[in-house]
Amino acid sequence: YKSRSGEPYGLPQDYEAALKWFTLAAEQGYAFGEFNVGLMYRMGQGVKQDDKIALQWITRAAKQGLPRFQYYVGTVYYGGWGGERNYEAALEWLTLAANQTGVWSAASQLKLGEMYLQGLGVPKNEKTADQYFNLTQLSGNLFRRMALDFHNLILRLLTIRVGQFSGGGSAVQYEI
């Protein structure tokens, strides 16, 4: 961050020093230290980039039960950092986070709703997807509107019709 005059606040950026202090905190079991060490390995900041080590550190943080870190691990498996996606592991971590409260729980509920709606690693089930989307809406946070909009968008996209031009080409007509 910089002041109005353009001067940086605080100390100069030093990834090696940051890694040292985050590692000290992580070795004492501090979840935010573990998470930050993991992010530094993920981004290659102060260390050689290594997704495997990054995930180990971030998983240590998630095992402490904080939904923010459980959500993050779930999305890592959902997205497949540099490898194959693992929807089974994503489901496990996202469910742990979804069963708590707060913004990261709501984000997990939204992601689980997507998984059930699309059949990603679970049997496709619109009723279960609706239940997760409704939980997200009930949580009263910023994901409430996103969940409803996403759900409605998917339902509307299911009404896409493919029409034919008179010249033999095809066109897609959206009813949104």
Protein backbone atom coordinates (compact mmCIF):
# COMPACT_ATOMS: atom_id res chain seq x y z
CA TYR A 1 0.00 0.00 0.00
CA LYS A 2 1.11 3.53 -0.69
CA SER A 3 0.37 6.86 0.91
CA ARG A 4 -1.14 9.76 -1.04
CA SER A 5 2.36 11.02 -1.75
CA GLY A 6 3.23 7.66 -3.33
CA GLU A 7 5.51 6.52 -0.51
CA PRO A 8 5.04 2.91 0.56
CA TYR A 9 3.69 2.19 4.03
CA GLY A 10 5.62 -0.03 6.40
CA LEU A 11 8.65 -2.09 5.51
CA PRO A 12 9.94 -2.90 2.03
CA GLN A 13 8.59 -6.15 0.60
CA ASP A 14 10.84 -9.04 1.63
CA TYR A 15 9.48 -12.50 0.79
CA GLU A 16 12.32 -14.36 2.51
CA ALA A 17 11.73 -12.50 5.78
CA ALA A 18 7.97 -13.01 5.47
CA LEU A 19 8.48 -16.73 4.90
CA LYS A 20 10.71 -16.91 7.96
CA TRP A 21 8.09 -15.30 10.23
CA PHE A 22 5.14 -17.18 8.74
CA THR A 23 7.05 -20.46 9.14
CA LEU A 24 7.79 -19.69 12.80
CA ALA A 25 4.09 -19.08 13.37
CA ALA A 26 3.13 -22.18 11.38
CA GLU A 27 5.50 -24.40 13.33
CA GLN A 28 3.69 -23.32 16.49
CA GLY A 29 0.39 -24.43 14.98
CA TYR A 30 -0.96 -20.99 14.06
CA ALA A 31 -3.43 -21.62 11.21
CA PHE A 32 -2.88 -18.27 9.49
CA GLY A 33 0.87 -18.89 9.50
CA GLU A 34 0.34 -22.32 7.94
CA PHE A 35 -1.98 -20.87 5.32
CA ASN A 36 0.41 -18.05 4.44
CA VAL A 37 3.38 -20.41 4.11
CA GLY A 38 1.22 -22.47 1.75
CA LEU A 39 0.34 -19.42 -0.31
CA MET A 40 4.00 -18.45 -0.57
CA TYR A 41 4.83 -21.90 -1.95
CA ARG A 42 1.84 -21.67 -4.29
CA MET A 43 2.99 -18.29 -5.63
CA GLY A 44 6.73 -18.99 -5.50
CA GLN A 45 7.34 -16.03 -3.21
CA GLY A 46 10.63 -16.43 -1.33
CA VAL A 47 10.73 -20.12 -2.26
CA LYS A 48 10.64 -22.27 -5.36
CA GLN A 49 7.02 -22.64 -6.47
CA ASP A 50 5.69 -26.03 -5.36
CA ASP A 51 1.96 -26.86 -5.40
CA LYS A 52 2.45 -30.10 -3.45
CA ILE A 53 4.14 -28.38 -0.50
CA ALA A 54 1.66 -25.50 -0.76
CA LEU A 55 -1.30 -27.87 -0.43
CA GLN A 56 0.31 -29.64 2.55
CA TRP A 57 0.64 -26.35 4.46
CA ILE A 58 -2.82 -25.11 3.52
CA THR A 59 -4.35 -28.47 4.48
CA ARG A 60 -2.68 -28.21 7.90
CA ALA A 61 -4.45 -24.88 8.36
CA ALA A 62 -7.78 -26.33 7.15
CA LYS A 63 -7.56 -29.23 9.62
CA GLN A 64 -7.85 -26.68 12.42
CA GLY A 65 -11.50 -26.26 11.46
CA LEU A 66 -11.61 -22.73 10.07
CA PRO A 67 -14.11 -22.58 7.18
CA ARG A 68 -11.98 -20.08 5.23
CA PHE A 69 -9.16 -22.60 4.89
CA GLN A 70 -11.48 -25.58 4.41
CA TYR A 71 -13.15 -23.70 1.55
CA TYR A 72 -9.76 -22.92 0.03
CA VAL A 73 -8.66 -26.57 0.13
CA GLY A 74 -12.01 -27.60 -1.34
CA THR A 75 -11.60 -25.19 -4.24
CA VAL A 76 -8.03 -26.40 -4.82
CA TYR A 77 -9.34 -29.93 -5.34
CA TYR A 78 -12.33 -28.61 -7.31
CA GLY A 79 -10.08 -26.69 -9.69
CA GLY A 80 -7.19 -29.16 -9.81
CA TRP A 81 -4.04 -27.09 -9.19
CA GLY A 82 -1.76 -28.12 -12.02
CA GLY A 83 -3.23 -31.60 -12.08
CA GLU A 84 -6.45 -33.53 -12.16
CA ARG A 85 -9.51 -32.36 -10.33
CA ASN A 86 -10.54 -34.39 -7.29
CA TYR A 87 -14.25 -33.81 -6.76
CA GLU A 88 -14.44 -36.36 -3.95
CA ALA A 89 -11.88 -34.42 -1.88
CA ALA A 90 -13.52 -31.13 -2.89
CA LEU A 91 -16.87 -32.44 -1.63
CA GLU A 92 -15.32 -33.47 1.70
CA TRP A 93 -13.64 -30.11 2.40
CA LEU A 94 -16.47 -27.95 1.09
CA THR A 95 -18.99 -29.88 3.20
CA LEU A 96 -16.88 -29.30 6.33
CA ALA A 97 -16.91 -25.56 5.65
CA ALA A 98 -20.56 -25.48 4.57
CA ASN A 99 -21.68 -26.94 7.91
CA GLN A 100 -20.38 -23.89 9.77
CA THR A 101 -21.41 -20.23 9.62
CA GLY A 102 -20.08 -17.14 7.90
CA VAL A 103 -19.09 -15.96 4.47
CA TRP A 104 -16.76 -18.92 3.74
CA SER A 105 -19.49 -21.37 4.73
CA ALA A 106 -21.87 -19.64 2.33
CA ALA A 107 -19.23 -19.76 -0.42
CA SER A 108 -18.89 -23.49 0.22
CA GLN A 109 -22.66 -23.97 0.08
CA LEU A 110 -22.72 -22.17 -3.26
CA LYS A 111 -19.92 -24.36 -4.65
CA LEU A 112 -21.68 -27.52 -3.39
CA GLY A 113 -24.88 -26.35 -5.07
CA GLU A 114 -22.96 -25.99 -8.33
CA MET A 115 -21.50 -29.48 -7.93
CA TYR A 116 -24.93 -31.07 -7.43
CA LEU A 117 -26.56 -29.01 -10.16
CA GLN A 118 -23.92 -30.03 -12.70
CA GLY A 119 -23.22 -33.55 -11.38
CA LEU A 120 -19.54 -32.87 -10.65
CA GLY A 121 -18.26 -35.79 -8.57
CA VAL A 122 -21.76 -36.42 -7.24
CA PRO A 123 -24.94 -37.67 -8.85
CA LYS A 124 -26.71 -34.78 -10.55
CA ASN A 125 -29.46 -33.71 -8.18
CA GLU A 126 -31.36 -30.45 -8.63
CA LYS A 127 -33.22 -30.87 -5.33
CA THR A 128 -29.97 -31.08 -3.35
CA ALA A 129 -28.55 -28.19 -5.38
CA ASP A 130 -31.62 -26.12 -4.48
CA GLN A 131 -31.14 -26.97 -0.80
CA TYR A 132 -27.55 -25.68 -0.90
CA PHE A 133 -28.56 -22.56 -2.82
CA ASN A 134 -31.32 -21.92 -0.25
CA LEU A 135 -28.85 -22.33 2.62
CA THR A 136 -26.63 -19.77 0.93
CA GLN A 137 -29.55 -17.36 0.61
CA LEU A 138 -30.52 -17.81 4.26
CA SER A 139 -27.03 -16.91 5.46
CA GLY A 140 -27.72 -13.26 4.64
CA ASN A 141 -24.38 -12.34 3.11
CA LEU A 142 -22.98 -11.28 -0.24
CA PHE A 143 -23.21 -14.79 -1.71
CA ARG A 144 -26.98 -14.79 -1.29
CA ARG A 145 -27.59 -12.86 -4.50
CA MET A 146 -24.84 -14.72 -6.37
CA ALA A 147 -26.41 -18.06 -5.54
CA LEU A 148 -29.83 -17.00 -6.71
CA ASP A 149 -28.46 -15.41 -9.89
CA PHE A 150 -26.32 -18.45 -10.70
CA HIS A 151 -29.19 -20.85 -10.12
CA ASN A 152 -31.57 -18.78 -12.26
CA LEU A 153 -28.97 -18.43 -15.01
CA ILE A 154 -28.48 -22.20 -15.21
CA LEU A 155 -32.22 -22.79 -15.34
CA ARG A 156 -32.63 -20.18 -18.06
CA LEU A 157 -29.75 -21.55 -20.10
CA LEU A 158 -31.54 -24.87 -20.17
CA THR A 159 -34.12 -23.18 -22.39
CA ILE A 160 -31.61 -22.42 -25.17
CA ARG A 161 -33.05 -23.14 -28.57
CA VAL A 162 -31.04 -23.77 -31.69
CA GLY A 163 -32.66 -22.32 -34.79
CA GLN A 164 -31.75 -22.60 -38.44
CA PHE A 165 -31.03 -19.73 -40.80
CA SER A 166 -32.68 -20.06 -44.16
CA GLY A 167 -29.21 -20.29 -45.71
CA GLY A 168 -28.46 -23.55 -43.92
CA GLY A 169 -26.31 -22.09 -41.12
CA SER A 170 -27.29 -22.35 -37.50
CA ALA A 171 -27.81 -19.71 -34.87
CA VAL A 172 -28.31 -19.94 -31.15
CA GLN A 173 -31.21 -18.00 -29.68
CA TYR A 174 -31.12 -17.36 -25.93
CA GLU A 175 -34.27 -16.91 -23.93
CA ILE A 176 -32.88 -15.03 -20.96
